[in-house]
Amino acid sequence: MKRRIVSLAATAVVVGAGIFAVAGGLSAATSSAASGLPTLTLAMNGKSITVGGTLQSGAVNVVSTVTKEAQGNPALVRLDPGVTFAQAQAAVQGHHGDPNYLDPYGALVLYTSTNKGVSSSVQTSLQPGNYVAIDFTNSGPHPHALFTVTEAANPASLPAPQATLASIEFGFRGPGTLRDGQLVRFENQGFLVHMIIALGVKNTKTAAKVTKLLLEGKDNKAGNLSTSFLTFDGGLSTGQMQQQVLTAPPGIYVLACFMNTQDGREHTQLGMERTIRIVK
């Protein structure tokens, strides 16, 4: 369990070298397609990722599909002007895979999860520039594709979310109850790279036990008490966000961030947990 959860911290930009493991078996909270927005498509098959649709700046609806693998874990990395993918990759690899060292080379602007046979939809806003689409599908090498987002004459705007769940150092901000059918924004308002993962539990008593175990660094035991795992965002750079229409199973969840600090501790060990409820 620890390997499966902790591997989510691999949501950096490293591909090819196979340094990182990527979470498998995580259930993505799917969402319905957003109407009225340009669509960017990501098609994955375990060996390649193909980018299509409207590649222009502004709000987009990112639709991901998967074939020939149980789950795809697509991420978008925006490269700063004049930066090559090799430079950004080397910066992260040179610091033991810490995605915080992506800055000042670029930013992790989207990370989601899509199961085979299910089309998932996530909204975000893209700036003009060069990007890398990566499928963190396994321990590597990770399929990736370079593409360019051009400046739109009239960029679309994101619809206003009905709720916002934000990551910070070291915790979460936002409502304690989310409702299926809501358009929910997941945003990194902190300075470090964070993720928002939700561990489903049976009741509030179990949620308290899971929180205590995560604080103690006992991920295996916490995982044994969890019934499901949702990827709300698998990792975002500071200031980045993505949003989706929530269709997660109703219940009680423990939010967690499993990114590592420089001293090797997970953010969960610094108190980055929170119990929330999802209702119909």
Protein backbone atom coordinates (compact mmCIF):
# COMPACT_ATOMS: atom_id res chain seq x y z
CA MET A 1 0.00 0.00 0.00
CA LYS A 2 2.79 2.40 0.89
CA ARG A 3 4.41 1.95 -2.51
CA ARG A 4 1.09 2.49 -4.24
CA ILE A 5 0.28 5.71 -2.40
CA VAL A 6 3.75 7.19 -2.06
CA SER A 7 4.39 6.68 -5.76
CA LEU A 8 1.97 9.50 -6.41
CA ALA A 9 4.81 11.79 -5.47
CA ALA A 10 6.25 10.86 -8.85
CA THR A 11 4.08 13.41 -10.58
CA ALA A 12 7.05 15.40 -11.78
CA VAL A 13 8.22 15.72 -15.37
CA VAL A 14 10.67 12.85 -15.46
CA VAL A 15 10.17 10.40 -18.32
CA GLY A 16 12.37 7.85 -20.00
CA ALA A 17 14.71 7.12 -17.10
CA GLY A 18 12.12 5.11 -15.18
CA ILE A 19 13.06 6.70 -11.85
CA PHE A 20 9.50 7.00 -10.63
CA ALA A 21 6.75 4.54 -9.88
CA VAL A 22 3.19 5.63 -10.57
CA ALA A 23 0.12 4.78 -8.58
CA GLY A 24 -1.96 1.94 -9.91
CA GLY A 25 -5.46 0.97 -8.93
CA LEU A 26 -6.54 4.46 -7.96
CA SER A 27 -10.11 5.27 -8.85
CA ALA A 28 -10.42 8.61 -10.56
CA ALA A 29 -13.45 10.72 -9.76
CA THR A 30 -14.98 11.01 -13.20
CA SER A 31 -16.80 14.04 -14.48
CA SER A 32 -19.20 14.91 -17.24
CA ALA A 33 -18.06 16.81 -20.30
CA ALA A 34 -18.01 20.57 -20.01
CA SER A 35 -20.21 22.32 -22.55
CA GLY A 36 -19.12 25.43 -24.37
CA LEU A 37 -15.37 25.04 -23.84
CA PRO A 38 -12.75 24.09 -26.43
CA THR A 39 -11.67 20.47 -26.01
CA LEU A 40 -8.12 19.13 -25.73
CA THR A 41 -7.91 15.34 -25.99
CA LEU A 42 -5.39 12.94 -24.45
CA ALA A 43 -5.47 9.36 -25.75
CA MET A 44 -3.31 6.78 -23.96
CA ASN A 45 -2.58 3.12 -24.65
CA GLY A 46 0.26 2.35 -22.24
CA LYS A 47 2.94 2.94 -24.85
CA SER A 48 2.04 6.38 -26.19
CA ILE A 49 0.02 9.47 -25.42
CA THR A 50 -1.55 11.43 -28.26
CA VAL A 51 -2.63 15.05 -27.96
CA GLY A 52 -5.45 16.39 -30.13
CA GLY A 53 -8.32 18.81 -30.27
CA THR A 54 -8.07 22.55 -29.78
CA LEU A 55 -4.55 23.60 -28.79
CA GLN A 56 -5.14 27.22 -27.89
CA SER A 57 -4.84 29.37 -24.80
CA GLY A 58 -7.63 29.98 -22.35
CA ALA A 59 -10.06 27.62 -20.70
CA VAL A 60 -10.18 24.10 -22.10
CA ASN A 61 -11.93 20.86 -21.34
CA VAL A 62 -9.31 18.10 -21.19
CA VAL A 63 -10.86 14.76 -22.16
CA SER A 64 -8.75 11.67 -21.46
CA THR A 65 -9.27 8.14 -22.77
CA VAL A 66 -7.37 4.91 -22.16
CA THR A 67 -6.96 1.68 -24.10
CA LYS A 68 -4.65 -1.32 -23.58
CA GLU A 69 -3.85 -0.36 -19.99
CA ALA A 70 -5.96 -0.48 -16.86
CA GLN A 71 -5.44 3.16 -16.02
CA GLY A 72 -3.86 6.26 -17.51
CA ASN A 73 -2.35 9.01 -15.39
CA PRO A 74 -2.03 11.99 -17.72
CA ALA A 75 -0.20 15.15 -16.72
CA LEU A 76 0.51 18.42 -18.54
CA VAL A 77 3.74 20.31 -17.97
CA ARG A 78 4.13 23.85 -19.31
CA LEU A 79 7.72 24.74 -20.20
CA ASP A 80 8.93 28.28 -19.60
CA PRO A 81 10.03 30.26 -22.70
CA GLY A 82 13.35 29.04 -24.05
CA VAL A 83 13.37 25.92 -21.84
CA THR A 84 13.65 22.46 -23.38
CA PHE A 85 12.03 19.36 -21.99
CA ALA A 86 15.49 17.86 -21.47
CA GLN A 87 16.47 20.80 -19.24
CA ALA A 88 13.32 20.52 -17.14
CA GLN A 89 13.71 16.77 -16.89
CA ALA A 90 17.34 17.04 -15.81
CA ALA A 91 16.49 19.62 -13.12
CA VAL A 92 14.02 17.25 -11.46
CA GLN A 93 16.14 14.13 -11.90
CA GLY A 94 19.14 15.94 -10.48
CA HIS A 95 17.28 16.46 -7.19
CA HIS A 96 16.08 12.91 -6.61
CA GLY A 97 12.82 13.44 -8.47
CA ASP A 98 11.64 16.43 -6.44
CA PRO A 99 9.08 18.20 -8.68
CA ASN A 100 9.64 21.47 -6.81
CA TYR A 101 12.86 21.80 -8.79
CA LEU A 102 10.80 22.12 -11.95
CA ASP A 103 10.62 25.81 -11.07
CA PRO A 104 12.04 27.92 -12.79
CA TYR A 105 11.91 25.64 -15.84
CA GLY A 106 8.16 25.20 -15.99
CA ALA A 107 5.08 24.12 -14.07
CA LEU A 108 2.97 21.05 -13.53
CA VAL A 109 -0.41 22.42 -14.60
CA LEU A 110 -2.62 19.33 -14.66
CA TYR A 111 -2.57 15.80 -13.33
CA THR A 112 -5.56 13.49 -13.41
CA SER A 113 -6.38 9.80 -13.61
CA THR A 114 -8.51 7.86 -16.12
CA ASN A 115 -9.63 4.24 -16.04
CA LYS A 116 -9.78 2.04 -19.12
CA GLY A 117 -13.07 2.33 -20.95
CA VAL A 118 -14.06 5.54 -19.16
CA SER A 119 -13.75 9.01 -20.65
CA SER A 120 -12.83 11.54 -17.98
CA SER A 121 -13.17 15.29 -18.27
CA VAL A 122 -11.22 17.97 -16.40
CA GLN A 123 -11.28 21.71 -16.99
CA THR A 124 -8.25 23.96 -16.75
CA SER A 125 -6.84 27.14 -18.26
CA LEU A 126 -3.75 27.05 -20.45
CA GLN A 127 -1.27 29.81 -21.21
CA PRO A 128 0.39 30.03 -24.64
CA GLY A 129 3.63 28.10 -24.82
CA ASN A 130 5.30 24.74 -25.20
CA TYR A 131 3.94 21.78 -23.26
CA VAL A 132 4.66 18.14 -22.54
CA ALA A 133 1.86 15.60 -22.08
CA ILE A 134 2.98 12.63 -19.97
CA ASP A 135 1.25 9.40 -19.02
CA PHE A 136 2.64 8.34 -15.65
CA THR A 137 1.28 4.89 -16.31
CA ASN A 138 3.91 2.70 -14.69
CA SER A 139 7.45 2.75 -13.35
CA GLY A 140 8.73 3.99 -16.69
CA PRO A 141 9.65 4.83 -19.30
CA HIS A 142 6.67 7.16 -19.35
CA PRO A 143 5.02 7.90 -22.70
CA HIS A 144 5.16 11.61 -23.53
CA ALA A 145 4.39 14.02 -26.33
CA LEU A 146 5.46 17.60 -26.99
CA PHE A 147 2.92 20.12 -28.24
CA THR A 148 2.38 23.87 -28.50
CA VAL A 149 -0.54 25.92 -27.26
CA THR A 150 -1.08 28.99 -29.44
CA GLU A 151 -2.57 32.26 -28.25
CA ALA A 152 -6.30 32.44 -28.88
CA ALA A 153 -7.79 35.63 -30.28
CA ASN A 154 -10.64 35.34 -27.80
CA PRO A 155 -9.63 32.88 -25.08
CA ALA A 156 -12.47 31.11 -23.30
CA SER A 157 -13.01 31.64 -19.58
CA LEU A 158 -13.56 28.90 -17.05
CA PRO A 159 -17.02 28.67 -15.53
CA ALA A 160 -17.09 29.71 -11.88
CA PRO A 161 -16.80 26.68 -9.58
CA GLN A 162 -19.46 25.92 -7.03
CA ALA A 163 -16.81 24.87 -4.51
CA THR A 164 -13.03 25.17 -4.23
CA LEU A 165 -10.77 22.74 -2.42
CA ALA A 166 -7.24 24.07 -2.04
CA SER A 167 -3.91 22.65 -0.86
CA ILE A 168 -1.53 24.74 1.25
CA GLU A 169 1.43 24.20 3.59
CA PHE A 170 0.47 21.88 5.21
CA GLY A 171 -3.25 21.31 4.97
CA PHE A 172 -6.39 21.89 2.95
CA ARG A 173 -8.87 24.74 2.66
CA GLY A 174 -12.47 24.53 1.54
CA PRO A 175 -15.88 23.19 2.51
CA GLY A 176 -16.21 20.11 4.68
CA THR A 177 -18.99 18.76 2.47
CA LEU A 178 -18.98 18.40 -1.31
CA ARG A 179 -22.00 17.43 -3.38
CA ASP A 180 -22.10 15.21 -6.44
CA GLY A 181 -22.99 17.28 -9.49
CA GLN A 182 -21.04 20.30 -8.22
CA LEU A 183 -18.34 21.86 -10.32
CA VAL A 184 -15.40 21.65 -7.90
CA ARG A 185 -12.06 23.42 -8.33
CA PHE A 186 -8.91 21.77 -6.96
CA GLU A 187 -6.16 24.34 -6.56
CA ASN A 188 -2.65 24.61 -5.15
CA GLN A 189 -2.53 27.82 -3.10
CA GLY A 190 0.74 26.86 -1.44
CA PHE A 191 4.37 27.42 -2.37
CA LEU A 192 5.31 23.75 -2.79
CA VAL A 193 3.98 21.13 -5.18
CA HIS A 194 0.95 19.44 -3.61
CA MET A 195 -1.58 16.78 -4.52
CA ILE A 196 -5.14 16.18 -3.34
CA ILE A 197 -5.89 12.50 -2.87
CA ALA A 198 -9.04 11.26 -1.10
CA LEU A 199 -9.04 8.00 0.84
CA GLY A 200 -12.54 6.59 1.30
CA VAL A 201 -13.34 5.24 4.78
CA LYS A 202 -16.33 3.58 6.44
CA ASN A 203 -17.10 6.27 9.05
CA THR A 204 -15.70 9.21 11.00
CA LYS A 205 -14.16 6.93 13.60
CA THR A 206 -12.16 5.18 10.90
CA ALA A 207 -11.25 8.55 9.40
CA ALA A 208 -9.68 9.55 12.71
CA LYS A 209 -7.70 6.30 12.80
CA VAL A 210 -6.50 6.78 9.22
CA THR A 211 -5.46 10.36 9.96
CA LYS A 212 -3.48 9.25 13.01
CA LEU A 213 -1.73 6.50 11.07
CA LEU A 214 -0.80 8.86 8.24
CA LEU A 215 0.61 11.35 10.73
CA GLU A 216 2.74 8.55 12.11
CA GLY A 217 3.93 7.57 8.65
CA LYS A 218 2.14 4.22 8.78
CA ASP A 219 0.75 4.29 5.25
CA ASN A 220 0.33 0.52 4.99
CA LYS A 221 -1.98 0.38 7.99
CA ALA A 222 -3.87 3.46 6.82
CA GLY A 223 -4.34 1.85 3.44
CA ASN A 224 -5.73 -1.30 5.00
CA LEU A 225 -8.49 0.79 6.60
CA SER A 226 -9.33 2.60 3.36
CA THR A 227 -12.00 1.40 0.97
CA SER A 228 -11.25 3.55 -2.09
CA PHE A 229 -8.80 6.10 -3.50
CA LEU A 230 -9.76 9.14 -5.55
CA THR A 231 -7.33 11.35 -7.44
CA PHE A 232 -8.73 14.88 -7.29
CA ASP A 233 -5.38 16.17 -8.50
CA GLY A 234 -2.26 14.05 -8.66
CA GLY A 235 0.09 17.01 -8.20
CA LEU A 236 0.09 20.67 -9.17
CA SER A 237 2.67 23.43 -9.07
CA THR A 238 1.97 26.54 -7.05
CA GLY A 239 -0.90 28.62 -8.41
CA GLN A 240 -2.19 25.88 -10.71
CA MET A 241 -5.69 24.42 -10.65
CA GLN A 242 -8.07 22.04 -12.36
CA GLN A 243 -11.81 21.56 -11.92
CA GLN A 244 -14.42 18.95 -12.68
CA VAL A 245 -18.01 17.98 -12.11
CA LEU A 246 -17.91 15.69 -9.10
CA THR A 247 -19.40 12.20 -9.43
CA ALA A 248 -17.54 10.42 -6.64
CA PRO A 249 -19.33 7.78 -4.55
CA PRO A 250 -21.00 9.44 -1.54
CA GLY A 251 -19.25 8.84 1.76
CA ILE A 252 -16.51 9.99 4.10
CA TYR A 253 -13.01 10.67 2.81
CA VAL A 254 -9.64 11.62 4.26
CA LEU A 255 -7.81 14.12 2.06
CA ALA A 256 -4.06 13.62 1.92
CA CYS A 257 -0.93 14.84 0.18
CA PHE A 258 1.85 12.26 -0.17
CA MET A 259 4.51 14.53 -1.62
CA ASN A 260 7.88 14.32 0.15
CA THR A 261 9.76 17.06 1.96
CA GLN A 262 13.49 17.49 1.48
CA ASP A 263 14.13 15.53 4.66
CA GLY A 264 12.16 12.58 3.33
CA ARG A 265 8.97 12.98 5.32
CA GLU A 266 5.65 12.93 3.53
CA HIS A 267 3.39 15.96 3.78
CA THR A 268 0.92 13.71 5.58
CA GLN A 269 3.43 13.49 8.44
CA LEU A 270 3.29 17.28 8.69
CA GLY A 271 -0.46 17.30 9.19
CA MET A 272 -1.66 17.39 5.61
CA GLU A 273 -4.90 15.45 6.14
CA ARG A 274 -8.51 16.52 6.39
CA THR A 275 -11.79 14.64 6.68
CA ILE A 276 -14.60 15.62 4.32
CA ARG A 277 -17.96 14.20 3.29
CA ILE A 278 -19.33 13.74 -0.22
CA VAL A 279 -23.11 13.61 -0.52
CA LYS A 280 -25.62 13.20 -3.33
